[in-house]
């Protein structure tokens, strides 16, 4: 059983930065990936970024490249999402995602590679 706990959301102004954290427990992470999706009110959940646990390969939604950075700390079983130059359209609930235990996944923008979800953390960007 995997538990994912996010933190770091909040209310910020346009142009500000935030860093989200997601700490995983209950598993080892060799050969799989973790990442972030977001869901705005009335919209579908969309892929934001992901990172492969073993070699650190990163994946981003095209529209967010250059503003968002995903990183990890293996020792802390934690993945981070650094969000810079935030815009009102970045307002959403941000969900941590992890691939199934002990499974090498193909990271795509779909949710098919996700085995576990966090509870979500709200990010609100005011104009």
Foldseek 3Di string as FASTA:
>chain_A
DKAKAKDWADEEAQQAKTKMKIAMDDAAQPQWKKAKWWDDPPGDIWGAKMFRDPPGDIDGDPVQPPFWDWDDDNVRNMIMIIGGRDDQVVWTWMKMFIADGPDNFDDDGDCVRGDDIHPTDTHGYHD
